[in-house]
Amino acid sequence: MTLLATGTGLFGIAPSTDQLIVINLAAILVGTTFNAPQKLIKWGGVVVAVVSTTCAIWCGH
């Protein structure tokens, strides 16, 4: 409960609603593309999800 009371989360990050939306969309992307038979779609979805999540959290967009 102290993490919620201080206003910062894990690693000192307090995610905004926009950041949480990006993280959820990235999880959906990985969930739908990871079982694809083509390696480009499978790993492309993972790469896009990781990059977009990282940018949403640390770039401040």
C-alpha atoms as a PDB file:
ATOM      1  CA  MET A   1       0.000   0.000   0.000  1.00  0.00           C
ATOM      2  CA  THR A   2       2.898   2.381   0.461  1.00  0.00           C
ATOM      3  CA  LEU A   3       3.568   2.386  -3.275  1.00  0.00           C
ATOM      4  CA  LEU A   4       0.069   3.707  -3.925  1.00  0.00           C
ATOM      5  CA  ALA A   5       0.252   6.249  -1.123  1.00  0.00           C
ATOM      6  CA  THR A   6       3.512   7.799  -2.328  1.00  0.00           C
ATOM      7  CA  GLY A   7       2.297   8.371  -5.882  1.00  0.00           C
ATOM      8  CA  THR A   8       5.169   6.453  -7.432  1.00  0.00           C
ATOM      9  CA  GLY A   9       5.149   2.853  -8.475  1.00  0.00           C
ATOM     10  CA  LEU A  10       7.788   0.295  -9.141  1.00  0.00           C
ATOM     11  CA  PHE A  11      11.199   1.830  -9.998  1.00  0.00           C
ATOM     12  CA  GLY A  12       9.850   5.308  -9.197  1.00  0.00           C
ATOM     13  CA  ILE A  13       7.408   5.303 -12.117  1.00  0.00           C
ATOM     14  CA  ALA A  14       3.841   6.537 -11.764  1.00  0.00           C
ATOM     15  CA  PRO A  15       2.119   5.484 -15.002  1.00  0.00           C
ATOM     16  CA  SER A  16      -0.532   7.730 -16.481  1.00  0.00           C
ATOM     17  CA  THR A  17      -3.705   6.529 -18.154  1.00  0.00           C
ATOM     18  CA  ASP A  18      -2.134   6.934 -21.604  1.00  0.00           C
ATOM     19  CA  GLN A  19       0.831   4.802 -20.579  1.00  0.00           C
ATOM     20  CA  LEU A  20      -1.443   2.096 -19.214  1.00  0.00           C
ATOM     21  CA  ILE A  21      -3.405   2.070 -22.475  1.00  0.00           C
ATOM     22  CA  VAL A  22      -0.186   1.608 -24.466  1.00  0.00           C
ATOM     23  CA  ILE A  23       0.887  -1.237 -22.171  1.00  0.00           C
ATOM     24  CA  ASN A  24      -2.481  -2.966 -22.513  1.00  0.00           C
ATOM     25  CA  LEU A  25      -2.460  -2.591 -26.302  1.00  0.00           C
ATOM     26  CA  ALA A  26       1.074  -3.994 -26.402  1.00  0.00           C
ATOM     27  CA  ALA A  27      -0.072  -7.004 -24.376  1.00  0.00           C
ATOM     28  CA  ILE A  28      -2.939  -7.558 -26.824  1.00  0.00           C
ATOM     29  CA  LEU A  29      -0.515  -7.292 -29.755  1.00  0.00           C
ATOM     30  CA  VAL A  30       1.796  -9.921 -28.280  1.00  0.00           C
ATOM     31  CA  GLY A  31      -1.132 -12.150 -27.393  1.00  0.00           C
ATOM     32  CA  THR A  32      -2.494 -12.118 -30.931  1.00  0.00           C
ATOM     33  CA  THR A  33       0.766 -12.352 -32.874  1.00  0.00           C
ATOM     34  CA  PHE A  34       2.934 -14.672 -30.765  1.00  0.00           C
ATOM     35  CA  ASN A  35       1.294 -17.868 -32.031  1.00  0.00           C
ATOM     36  CA  ALA A  36       1.607 -16.863 -35.686  1.00  0.00           C
ATOM     37  CA  PRO A  37       3.358 -19.421 -37.911  1.00  0.00           C
ATOM     38  CA  GLN A  38       5.409 -16.706 -39.661  1.00  0.00           C
ATOM     39  CA  LYS A  39       8.468 -15.666 -37.663  1.00  0.00           C
ATOM     40  CA  LEU A  40       8.288 -12.100 -39.002  1.00  0.00           C
ATOM     41  CA  ILE A  41       4.805 -11.564 -37.580  1.00  0.00           C
ATOM     42  CA  LYS A  42       5.611 -13.390 -34.344  1.00  0.00           C
ATOM     43  CA  TRP A  43       8.796 -11.541 -33.456  1.00  0.00           C
ATOM     44  CA  GLY A  44       7.730  -8.311 -35.139  1.00  0.00           C
ATOM     45  CA  GLY A  45       4.777  -8.097 -32.767  1.00  0.00           C
ATOM     46  CA  VAL A  46       7.044  -8.687 -29.790  1.00  0.00           C
ATOM     47  CA  VAL A  47       9.554  -6.053 -30.935  1.00  0.00           C
ATOM     48  CA  VAL A  48       6.842  -3.447 -31.597  1.00  0.00           C
ATOM     49  CA  ALA A  49       5.255  -4.148 -28.212  1.00  0.00           C
ATOM     50  CA  VAL A  50       8.545  -3.841 -26.314  1.00  0.00           C
ATOM     51  CA  VAL A  51       9.585  -0.650 -28.093  1.00  0.00           C
ATOM     52  CA  SER A  52       6.209   1.039 -27.712  1.00  0.00           C
ATOM     53  CA  THR A  53       5.941   0.087 -24.033  1.00  0.00           C
ATOM     54  CA  THR A  54       9.477   1.279 -23.305  1.00  0.00           C
ATOM     55  CA  CYS A  55       8.884   4.563 -25.093  1.00  0.00           C
ATOM     56  CA  ALA A  56       5.528   5.098 -23.385  1.00  0.00           C
ATOM     57  CA  ILE A  57       7.039   4.626 -19.931  1.00  0.00           C
ATOM     58  CA  TRP A  58      10.426   6.301 -20.184  1.00  0.00           C
ATOM     59  CA  CYS A  59      10.130   8.786 -23.059  1.00  0.00           C
ATOM     60  CA  GLY A  60       7.177  10.587 -21.518  1.00  0.00           C
ATOM     61  CA  HIS A  61       4.978  10.604 -24.606  1.00  0.00           C
END
